[in-house]
C-alpha atoms as a PDB file:
ATOM      1  CA  UNK A   1      -5.764 148.021  71.722  1.00  0.00           C
ATOM      2  CA  UNK A   2      -5.407 149.093  68.364  1.00  0.00           C
ATOM      3  CA  UNK A   3      -6.006 153.320  67.833  1.00  0.00           C
ATOM      4  CA  UNK A   4      -7.098 154.140  64.327  1.00  0.00           C
ATOM      5  CA  UNK A   5      -7.181 157.761  62.793  1.00  0.00           C
ATOM      6  CA  UNK A   6      -8.506 158.357  59.894  1.00  0.00           C
ATOM      7  CA  UNK A   7      -8.387 161.786  57.807  1.00  0.00           C
ATOM      8  CA  UNK A   8     -11.899 163.167  56.950  1.00  0.00           C
ATOM      9  CA  UNK A   9     -11.355 166.119  55.112  1.00  0.00           C
ATOM     10  CA  UNK A  10      -7.999 167.579  53.337  1.00  0.00           C
ATOM     11  CA  UNK A  11      -8.018 170.661  55.496  1.00  0.00           C
ATOM     12  CA  UNK A  12      -9.655 169.820  58.706  1.00  0.00           C
ATOM     13  CA  UNK A  13     -10.466 166.771  61.259  1.00  0.00           C
ATOM     14  CA  UNK A  14     -10.111 163.009  61.585  1.00  0.00           C
ATOM     15  CA  UNK A  15     -12.307 160.081  62.878  1.00  0.00           C
ATOM     16  CA  UNK A  16     -11.045 158.135  65.561  1.00  0.00           C
ATOM     17  CA  UNK A  17     -11.854 154.400  66.052  1.00  0.00           C
ATOM     18  CA  UNK A  18     -10.638 151.347  68.120  1.00  0.00           C
ATOM     19  CA  UNK A  19     -11.585 153.544  71.539  1.00  0.00           C
ATOM     20  CA  UNK A  20     -14.532 152.748  73.727  1.00  0.00           C
ATOM     21  CA  UNK A  21     -15.855 154.825  76.643  1.00  0.00           C
ATOM     22  CA  UNK A  22     -13.663 152.750  79.439  1.00  0.00           C
ATOM     23  CA  UNK A  23     -10.277 152.939  77.750  1.00  0.00           C
ATOM     24  CA  UNK A  24     -10.605 156.971  77.791  1.00  0.00           C
ATOM     25  CA  UNK A  25      -9.841 156.788  80.927  1.00  0.00           C
ATOM     26  CA  UNK A  26      -7.538 153.235  81.596  1.00  0.00           C
ATOM     27  CA  UNK A  27      -5.221 153.481  79.027  1.00  0.00           C
ATOM     28  CA  UNK A  28      -2.633 156.055  79.149  1.00  0.00           C
ATOM     29  CA  UNK A  29      -1.487 155.998  75.411  1.00  0.00           C
ATOM     30  CA  UNK A  30      -5.524 157.303  74.708  1.00  0.00           C
ATOM     31  CA  UNK A  31      -4.467 160.777  75.941  1.00  0.00           C
ATOM     32  CA  UNK A  32      -1.167 161.036  73.864  1.00  0.00           C
ATOM     33  CA  UNK A  33      -2.867 159.886  70.958  1.00  0.00           C
ATOM     34  CA  UNK A  34      -5.464 162.206  71.067  1.00  0.00           C
ATOM     35  CA  UNK A  35      -3.126 165.269  71.637  1.00  0.00           C
ATOM     36  CA  UNK A  36      -0.763 164.465  68.785  1.00  0.00           C
ATOM     37  CA  UNK A  37      -4.056 164.133  66.606  1.00  0.00           C
ATOM     38  CA  UNK A  38      -5.382 167.514  67.339  1.00  0.00           C
ATOM     39  CA  UNK A  39      -2.331 169.053  66.752  1.00  0.00           C
ATOM     40  CA  UNK A  40      -2.295 167.090  63.396  1.00  0.00           C
ATOM     41  CA  UNK A  41      -6.108 167.252  62.415  1.00  0.00           C
ATOM     42  CA  UNK A  42      -7.636 169.950  64.779  1.00  0.00           C
ATOM     43  CA  UNK A  43     -11.194 168.117  64.949  1.00  0.00           C
ATOM     44  CA  UNK A  44     -11.421 164.287  65.922  1.00  0.00           C
ATOM     45  CA  UNK A  45     -14.635 162.815  65.969  1.00  0.00           C
ATOM     46  CA  UNK A  46     -15.811 159.473  67.970  1.00  0.00           C
ATOM     47  CA  UNK A  47     -19.267 158.093  66.582  1.00  0.00           C
ATOM     48  CA  UNK A  48     -21.172 156.531  68.800  1.00  0.00           C
ATOM     49  CA  UNK A  49     -19.120 156.745  71.950  1.00  0.00           C
ATOM     50  CA  UNK A  50     -21.595 157.208  74.006  1.00  0.00           C
ATOM     51  CA  UNK A  51     -20.163 159.190  76.497  1.00  0.00           C
ATOM     52  CA  UNK A  52     -21.545 159.544  80.216  1.00  0.00           C
ATOM     53  CA  UNK A  53     -20.918 162.905  81.576  1.00  0.00           C
ATOM     54  CA  UNK A  54     -18.403 161.750  84.459  1.00  0.00           C
ATOM     55  CA  UNK A  55     -16.480 160.065  81.770  1.00  0.00           C
ATOM     56  CA  UNK A  56     -16.123 163.187  79.836  1.00  0.00           C
ATOM     57  CA  UNK A  57     -15.060 165.021  82.631  1.00  0.00           C
ATOM     58  CA  UNK A  58     -12.906 162.763  83.657  1.00  0.00           C
ATOM     59  CA  UNK A  59     -11.128 162.356  80.726  1.00  0.00           C
ATOM     60  CA  UNK A  60     -10.752 166.101  79.547  1.00  0.00           C
ATOM     61  CA  UNK A  61      -8.941 166.776  83.194  1.00  0.00           C
ATOM     62  CA  UNK A  62      -6.317 164.290  81.701  1.00  0.00           C
ATOM     63  CA  UNK A  63      -5.985 166.985  78.798  1.00  0.00           C
ATOM     64  CA  UNK A  64      -5.395 169.866  81.092  1.00  0.00           C
ATOM     65  CA  UNK A  65      -7.596 172.052  83.502  1.00  0.00           C
ATOM     66  CA  UNK A  66     -11.307 172.336  83.127  1.00  0.00           C
ATOM     67  CA  UNK A  67     -13.870 174.764  83.296  1.00  0.00           C
ATOM     68  CA  UNK A  68     -15.803 174.358  86.224  1.00  0.00           C
ATOM     69  CA  UNK A  69     -18.061 177.560  85.922  1.00  0.00           C
ATOM     70  CA  UNK A  70     -21.808 176.202  86.756  1.00  0.00           C
ATOM     71  CA  UNK A  71     -23.032 175.126  83.453  1.00  0.00           C
ATOM     72  CA  UNK A  72     -26.871 174.310  84.033  1.00  0.00           C
ATOM     73  CA  UNK A  73     -26.652 170.851  84.387  1.00  0.00           C
ATOM     74  CA  UNK A  74     -25.683 168.816  87.589  1.00  0.00           C
ATOM     75  CA  UNK A  75     -22.095 167.256  87.009  1.00  0.00           C
ATOM     76  CA  UNK A  76     -19.545 169.644  87.544  1.00  0.00           C
ATOM     77  CA  UNK A  77     -17.406 170.664  84.433  1.00  0.00           C
ATOM     78  CA  UNK A  78     -20.918 169.701  81.871  1.00  0.00           C
ATOM     79  CA  UNK A  79     -22.310 173.023  80.648  1.00  0.00           C
ATOM     80  CA  UNK A  80     -25.568 171.929  78.788  1.00  0.00           C
ATOM     81  CA  UNK A  81     -25.772 173.555  75.142  1.00  0.00           C
ATOM     82  CA  UNK A  82     -29.417 173.917  74.486  1.00  0.00           C
ATOM     83  CA  UNK A  83     -32.028 176.533  72.924  1.00  0.00           C
ATOM     84  CA  UNK A  84     -34.366 175.407  75.703  1.00  0.00           C
ATOM     85  CA  UNK A  85     -34.439 177.948  78.522  1.00  0.00           C
ATOM     86  CA  UNK A  86     -35.803 175.268  80.975  1.00  0.00           C
ATOM     87  CA  UNK A  87     -32.217 173.551  80.329  1.00  0.00           C
ATOM     88  CA  UNK A  88     -29.925 176.747  79.999  1.00  0.00           C
ATOM     89  CA  UNK A  89     -31.009 180.026  81.355  1.00  0.00           C
ATOM     90  CA  UNK A  90     -28.599 181.510  78.965  1.00  0.00           C
ATOM     91  CA  UNK A  91     -29.949 180.180  75.821  1.00  0.00           C
ATOM     92  CA  UNK A  92     -30.416 183.458  74.018  1.00  0.00           C
ATOM     93  CA  UNK A  93     -26.829 183.704  73.943  1.00  0.00           C
ATOM     94  CA  UNK A  94     -26.284 180.607  72.034  1.00  0.00           C
ATOM     95  CA  UNK A  95     -27.915 182.387  68.571  1.00  0.00           C
ATOM     96  CA  UNK A  96     -24.118 183.166  68.101  1.00  0.00           C
ATOM     97  CA  UNK A  97     -22.611 180.561  67.660  1.00  0.00           C
ATOM     98  CA  UNK A  98     -24.588 180.212  64.735  1.00  0.00           C
ATOM     99  CA  UNK A  99     -21.537 182.884  63.337  1.00  0.00           C
ATOM    100  CA  UNK A 100     -17.973 181.321  62.877  1.00  0.00           C
ATOM    101  CA  UNK A 101     -16.019 181.774  66.179  1.00  0.00           C
ATOM    102  CA  UNK A 102     -13.447 181.161  68.237  1.00  0.00           C
ATOM    103  CA  UNK A 103     -14.307 180.538  72.124  1.00  0.00           C
ATOM    104  CA  UNK A 104     -12.497 182.425  74.516  1.00  0.00           C
ATOM    105  CA  UNK A 105     -11.596 186.141  72.581  1.00  0.00           C
ATOM    106  CA  UNK A 106     -13.294 187.845  75.242  1.00  0.00           C
ATOM    107  CA  UNK A 107     -12.712 186.695  78.513  1.00  0.00           C
ATOM    108  CA  UNK A 108     -14.036 188.281  81.842  1.00  0.00           C
ATOM    109  CA  UNK A 109     -11.130 188.226  83.092  1.00  0.00           C
ATOM    110  CA  UNK A 110      -7.522 187.928  81.373  1.00  0.00           C
ATOM    111  CA  UNK A 111      -7.692 183.832  81.085  1.00  0.00           C
ATOM    112  CA  UNK A 112      -6.619 182.313  77.879  1.00  0.00           C
ATOM    113  CA  UNK A 113      -8.573 180.935  75.153  1.00  0.00           C
ATOM    114  CA  UNK A 114      -9.851 177.748  75.539  1.00  0.00           C
ATOM    115  CA  UNK A 115      -7.250 174.839  74.757  1.00  0.00           C
ATOM    116  CA  UNK A 116      -9.902 172.352  73.732  1.00  0.00           C
ATOM    117  CA  UNK A 117     -13.187 171.789  73.803  1.00  0.00           C
ATOM    118  CA  UNK A 118     -15.333 168.472  73.585  1.00  0.00           C
ATOM    119  CA  UNK A 119     -19.350 167.897  73.099  1.00  0.00           C
ATOM    120  CA  UNK A 120     -21.160 164.503  73.382  1.00  0.00           C
ATOM    121  CA  UNK A 121     -24.735 164.879  71.617  1.00  0.00           C
ATOM    122  CA  UNK A 122     -27.335 163.974  74.238  1.00  0.00           C
ATOM    123  CA  UNK A 123     -30.088 164.475  71.869  1.00  0.00           C
ATOM    124  CA  UNK A 124     -30.142 166.071  68.444  1.00  0.00           C
ATOM    125  CA  UNK A 125     -32.130 168.376  65.780  1.00  0.00           C
ATOM    126  CA  UNK A 126     -34.568 166.740  63.389  1.00  0.00           C
ATOM    127  CA  UNK A 127     -33.265 169.192  60.832  1.00  0.00           C
ATOM    128  CA  UNK A 128     -30.180 171.921  61.002  1.00  0.00           C
ATOM    129  CA  UNK A 129     -28.183 171.803  64.064  1.00  0.00           C
ATOM    130  CA  UNK A 130     -24.418 170.739  62.159  1.00  0.00           C
ATOM    131  CA  UNK A 131     -21.445 171.907  63.790  1.00  0.00           C
ATOM    132  CA  UNK A 132     -18.798 173.444  61.382  1.00  0.00           C
ATOM    133  CA  UNK A 133     -15.294 173.274  61.618  1.00  0.00           C
ATOM    134  CA  UNK A 134     -12.269 175.221  59.761  1.00  0.00           C
ATOM    135  CA  UNK A 135      -8.947 175.724  60.072  1.00  0.00           C
ATOM    136  CA  UNK A 136      -7.297 179.134  61.247  1.00  0.00           C
ATOM    137  CA  UNK A 137      -3.546 177.062  60.980  1.00  0.00           C
ATOM    138  CA  UNK A 138      -4.640 176.089  57.456  1.00  0.00           C
ATOM    139  CA  UNK A 139      -5.749 179.835  56.655  1.00  0.00           C
ATOM    140  CA  UNK A 140      -2.183 180.926  57.903  1.00  0.00           C
ATOM    141  CA  UNK A 141      -0.839 178.641  55.818  1.00  0.00           C
ATOM    142  CA  UNK A 142      -2.225 179.220  52.682  1.00  0.00           C
ATOM    143  CA  UNK A 143      -1.200 183.182  52.798  1.00  0.00           C
ATOM    144  CA  UNK A 144       0.847 184.406  50.238  1.00  0.00           C
ATOM    145  CA  UNK A 145       4.293 185.947  51.757  1.00  0.00           C
ATOM    146  CA  UNK A 146       3.285 189.565  50.849  1.00  0.00           C
ATOM    147  CA  UNK A 147      -0.247 189.016  52.768  1.00  0.00           C
ATOM    148  CA  UNK A 148       1.987 187.207  55.892  1.00  0.00           C
ATOM    149  CA  UNK A 149       4.072 190.382  55.868  1.00  0.00           C
ATOM    150  CA  UNK A 150       0.807 192.816  56.041  1.00  0.00           C
ATOM    151  CA  UNK A 151      -0.936 191.075  58.342  1.00  0.00           C
ATOM    152  CA  UNK A 152       2.299 190.497  61.052  1.00  0.00           C
ATOM    153  CA  UNK A 153       1.708 193.668  62.836  1.00  0.00           C
ATOM    154  CA  UNK A 154      -2.130 194.181  62.793  1.00  0.00           C
ATOM    155  CA  UNK A 155      -4.442 194.071  65.856  1.00  0.00           C
ATOM    156  CA  UNK A 156      -7.962 193.267  66.005  1.00  0.00           C
ATOM    157  CA  UNK A 157     -10.442 194.629  68.910  1.00  0.00           C
ATOM    158  CA  UNK A 158     -12.670 191.749  69.837  1.00  0.00           C
ATOM    159  CA  UNK A 159     -15.885 192.244  71.654  1.00  0.00           C
ATOM    160  CA  UNK A 160     -19.260 190.638  72.854  1.00  0.00           C
ATOM    161  CA  UNK A 161     -21.278 193.251  71.274  1.00  0.00           C
ATOM    162  CA  UNK A 162     -19.613 192.274  68.224  1.00  0.00           C
ATOM    163  CA  UNK A 163     -20.870 188.814  67.993  1.00  0.00           C
ATOM    164  CA  UNK A 164     -24.295 189.561  69.594  1.00  0.00           C
ATOM    165  CA  UNK A 165     -24.743 192.125  66.925  1.00  0.00           C
ATOM    166  CA  UNK A 166     -24.942 189.306  64.137  1.00  0.00           C
ATOM    167  CA  UNK A 167     -28.041 187.857  65.648  1.00  0.00           C
ATOM    168  CA  UNK A 168     -29.745 191.017  67.833  1.00  0.00           C
ATOM    169  CA  UNK A 169     -29.497 194.185  64.945  1.00  0.00           C
ATOM    170  CA  UNK A 170     -31.872 196.590  67.437  1.00  0.00           C
ATOM    171  CA  UNK A 171     -30.890 195.520  70.685  1.00  0.00           C
ATOM    172  CA  UNK A 172     -32.302 196.988  73.828  1.00  0.00           C
ATOM    173  CA  UNK A 173     -30.554 199.598  76.167  1.00  0.00           C
ATOM    174  CA  UNK A 174     -30.633 196.535  78.654  1.00  0.00           C
ATOM    175  CA  UNK A 175     -29.008 194.248  75.788  1.00  0.00           C
ATOM    176  CA  UNK A 176     -26.340 196.942  75.264  1.00  0.00           C
ATOM    177  CA  UNK A 177     -25.756 197.477  78.981  1.00  0.00           C
ATOM    178  CA  UNK A 178     -25.019 193.485  79.232  1.00  0.00           C
ATOM    179  CA  UNK A 179     -22.840 193.298  76.056  1.00  0.00           C
ATOM    180  CA  UNK A 180     -21.108 196.230  77.137  1.00  0.00           C
ATOM    181  CA  UNK A 181     -20.179 194.844  80.640  1.00  0.00           C
ATOM    182  CA  UNK A 182     -18.100 192.451  78.871  1.00  0.00           C
ATOM    183  CA  UNK A 183     -14.692 194.030  78.440  1.00  0.00           C
ATOM    184  CA  UNK A 184     -13.443 194.160  74.651  1.00  0.00           C
ATOM    185  CA  UNK A 185     -10.013 192.780  74.374  1.00  0.00           C
ATOM    186  CA  UNK A 186      -7.306 193.620  71.313  1.00  0.00           C
ATOM    187  CA  UNK A 187      -5.558 190.520  70.164  1.00  0.00           C
ATOM    188  CA  UNK A 188      -2.687 190.155  67.453  1.00  0.00           C
ATOM    189  CA  UNK A 189      -4.509 189.017  64.334  1.00  0.00           C
ATOM    190  CA  UNK A 190      -1.780 186.384  63.559  1.00  0.00           C
ATOM    191  CA  UNK A 191      -1.203 184.347  66.749  1.00  0.00           C
ATOM    192  CA  UNK A 192       2.047 182.721  67.229  1.00  0.00           C
ATOM    193  CA  UNK A 193       1.859 179.742  69.408  1.00  0.00           C
ATOM    194  CA  UNK A 194       4.646 178.087  71.721  1.00  0.00           C
ATOM    195  CA  UNK A 195       4.650 175.272  69.117  1.00  0.00           C
ATOM    196  CA  UNK A 196       6.159 177.830  66.457  1.00  0.00           C
ATOM    197  CA  UNK A 197       2.942 177.157  64.467  1.00  0.00           C
ATOM    198  CA  UNK A 198       0.700 180.324  63.497  1.00  0.00           C
ATOM    199  CA  UNK A 199      -3.060 180.777  63.118  1.00  0.00           C
ATOM    200  CA  UNK A 200      -5.590 183.353  62.210  1.00  0.00           C
ATOM    201  CA  UNK A 201      -7.796 184.840  65.067  1.00  0.00           C
ATOM    202  CA  UNK A 202     -10.826 185.310  62.862  1.00  0.00           C
ATOM    203  CA  UNK A 203     -14.887 185.134  64.040  1.00  0.00           C
ATOM    204  CA  UNK A 204     -17.875 186.921  64.967  1.00  0.00           C
ATOM    205  CA  UNK A 205     -16.312 188.638  67.717  1.00  0.00           C
ATOM    206  CA  UNK A 206     -14.021 190.637  65.677  1.00  0.00           C
ATOM    207  CA  UNK A 207     -15.065 194.371  65.837  1.00  0.00           C
ATOM    208  CA  UNK A 208     -12.408 196.426  63.991  1.00  0.00           C
ATOM    209  CA  UNK A 209      -8.905 196.201  62.963  1.00  0.00           C
ATOM    210  CA  UNK A 210      -6.873 198.429  65.307  1.00  0.00           C
ATOM    211  CA  UNK A 211      -6.058 201.987  63.471  1.00  0.00           C
ATOM    212  CA  UNK A 212      -7.571 201.031  59.678  1.00  0.00           C
ATOM    213  CA  UNK A 213     -10.499 202.925  58.532  1.00  0.00           C
ATOM    214  CA  UNK A 214     -14.065 201.326  59.338  1.00  0.00           C
ATOM    215  CA  UNK A 215     -14.712 200.001  55.797  1.00  0.00           C
ATOM    216  CA  UNK A 216     -11.028 198.764  54.901  1.00  0.00           C
ATOM    217  CA  UNK A 217     -11.253 197.010  58.495  1.00  0.00           C
ATOM    218  CA  UNK A 218     -14.308 194.833  57.882  1.00  0.00           C
ATOM    219  CA  UNK A 219     -13.677 194.006  54.441  1.00  0.00           C
ATOM    220  CA  UNK A 220     -10.186 192.690  55.388  1.00  0.00           C
ATOM    221  CA  UNK A 221     -11.819 190.538  58.350  1.00  0.00           C
ATOM    222  CA  UNK A 222     -14.516 189.538  56.186  1.00  0.00           C
ATOM    223  CA  UNK A 223     -12.358 188.272  52.984  1.00  0.00           C
ATOM    224  CA  UNK A 224      -9.944 186.184  55.411  1.00  0.00           C
ATOM    225  CA  UNK A 225     -12.753 184.446  57.195  1.00  0.00           C
ATOM    226  CA  UNK A 226     -14.607 183.864  53.885  1.00  0.00           C
ATOM    227  CA  UNK A 227     -11.546 181.995  52.449  1.00  0.00           C
ATOM    228  CA  UNK A 228     -10.696 179.908  56.119  1.00  0.00           C
ATOM    229  CA  UNK A 229     -14.368 179.019  55.838  1.00  0.00           C
ATOM    230  CA  UNK A 230     -14.550 177.867  51.731  1.00  0.00           C
ATOM    231  CA  UNK A 231     -16.269 174.906  51.447  1.00  0.00           C
ATOM    232  CA  UNK A 232     -13.993 173.008  50.768  1.00  0.00           C
ATOM    233  CA  UNK A 233     -11.967 173.686  53.704  1.00  0.00           C
ATOM    234  CA  UNK A 234     -14.528 173.027  56.219  1.00  0.00           C
ATOM    235  CA  UNK A 235     -15.863 169.800  57.695  1.00  0.00           C
ATOM    236  CA  UNK A 236     -19.485 169.617  58.599  1.00  0.00           C
ATOM    237  CA  UNK A 237     -20.267 166.595  61.190  1.00  0.00           C
ATOM    238  CA  UNK A 238     -24.001 165.735  61.083  1.00  0.00           C
ATOM    239  CA  UNK A 239     -24.604 165.098  64.649  1.00  0.00           C
ATOM    240  CA  UNK A 240     -26.031 161.125  65.692  1.00  0.00           C
ATOM    241  CA  UNK A 241     -26.987 160.462  69.296  1.00  0.00           C
ATOM    242  CA  UNK A 242     -23.562 159.455  71.448  1.00  0.00           C
ATOM    243  CA  UNK A 243     -21.336 161.070  69.150  1.00  0.00           C
ATOM    244  CA  UNK A 244     -18.537 162.819  70.914  1.00  0.00           C
ATOM    245  CA  UNK A 245     -16.395 165.709  69.048  1.00  0.00           C
ATOM    246  CA  UNK A 246     -13.136 167.431  69.931  1.00  0.00           C
ATOM    247  CA  UNK A 247     -11.631 170.234  68.668  1.00  0.00           C
ATOM    248  CA  UNK A 248      -8.232 172.385  69.082  1.00  0.00           C
ATOM    249  CA  UNK A 249      -9.792 175.504  69.853  1.00  0.00           C
ATOM    250  CA  UNK A 250      -6.629 177.709  69.252  1.00  0.00           C
ATOM    251  CA  UNK A 251      -6.294 176.330  65.903  1.00  0.00           C
ATOM    252  CA  UNK A 252      -9.941 175.907  64.277  1.00  0.00           C
ATOM    253  CA  UNK A 253     -12.756 178.209  64.195  1.00  0.00           C
ATOM    254  CA  UNK A 254     -16.379 176.679  64.177  1.00  0.00           C
ATOM    255  CA  UNK A 255     -20.204 177.065  64.282  1.00  0.00           C
ATOM    256  CA  UNK A 256     -23.474 175.842  64.745  1.00  0.00           C
ATOM    257  CA  UNK A 257     -25.948 175.213  61.923  1.00  0.00           C
ATOM    258  CA  UNK A 258     -29.169 176.746  62.795  1.00  0.00           C
ATOM    259  CA  UNK A 259     -32.221 174.624  64.102  1.00  0.00           C
ATOM    260  CA  UNK A 260     -35.537 175.263  65.466  1.00  0.00           C
ATOM    261  CA  UNK A 261     -35.304 176.881  68.701  1.00  0.00           C
ATOM    262  CA  UNK A 262     -38.119 174.120  69.911  1.00  0.00           C
ATOM    263  CA  UNK A 263     -35.825 171.041  68.903  1.00  0.00           C
ATOM    264  CA  UNK A 264     -34.725 168.716  71.867  1.00  0.00           C
ATOM    265  CA  UNK A 265     -30.923 168.913  70.636  1.00  0.00           C
ATOM    266  CA  UNK A 266     -28.750 169.062  73.457  1.00  0.00           C
ATOM    267  CA  UNK A 267     -25.007 168.958  73.832  1.00  0.00           C
ATOM    268  CA  UNK A 268     -22.863 168.081  76.606  1.00  0.00           C
ATOM    269  CA  UNK A 269     -19.705 170.313  76.930  1.00  0.00           C
ATOM    270  CA  UNK A 270     -16.627 170.062  78.360  1.00  0.00           C
ATOM    271  CA  UNK A 271     -14.283 173.076  78.031  1.00  0.00           C
ATOM    272  CA  UNK A 272     -10.308 172.088  78.718  1.00  0.00           C
ATOM    273  CA  UNK A 273      -8.840 175.567  79.843  1.00  0.00           C
ATOM    274  CA  UNK A 274      -5.906 177.447  77.719  1.00  0.00           C
ATOM    275  CA  UNK A 275      -2.337 177.297  78.379  1.00  0.00           C
ATOM    276  CA  UNK A 276      -1.164 179.972  76.197  1.00  0.00           C
ATOM    277  CA  UNK A 277      -2.246 183.532  75.194  1.00  0.00           C
ATOM    278  CA  UNK A 278      -2.626 184.940  71.702  1.00  0.00           C
ATOM    279  CA  UNK A 279       0.607 186.436  71.120  1.00  0.00           C
END
């Protein structure tokens, strides 16, 4: 077996070839190759892989512990991503994925942000529904020394309400109660990883910088996000049936392009749980 990893974009992303669905479980070298490539490229694309849910879950277990919370799918470890409420009763919350975000910044408990996320396309939208990725490692690396010094001690409050207000400007009291039932979390703006690398913790869940005036706080966070997600720094994946994509959630932010809620688009997601806090 010869695994080939070809860079897709100067900032983030690579395509992996030479692997079929069977080799994900039978070739030990694949796990090491995927983990190394994720560290280097942030996002890995496997075109036309056509993973079945059981194989997807089994492979992700080789990368670490996985999320087994009920996911509107009969296979444990699979979460069905669909705006069709007959397939996902929490579909309304998925509209927040149309904005840039890191998964796991506002957990119910003290869980760490997810290590990695794998998506397989079961059905695609006729228009829209692409997934975009940008490296938050890269965003930090492009900062000047003075900017790094300025940001080093800043802390940011993240909340579910902040992300949901982007898609629901006038929530009902009941919606507000649900959002505020999820505890807000305070994280450093700069995440220093166990590897020694640093990344920026950005995205839709950012509510405000602690101790900073509201307008200044919003301007800073929006500017950093704009620079991180400049078009030349983004990989945009146009889904075809059977594609699989996995990304390093700790160093990559992502979003889905909007699509018709009546679309059959359906992604099967498996989440590899995190093993380090934001610190």
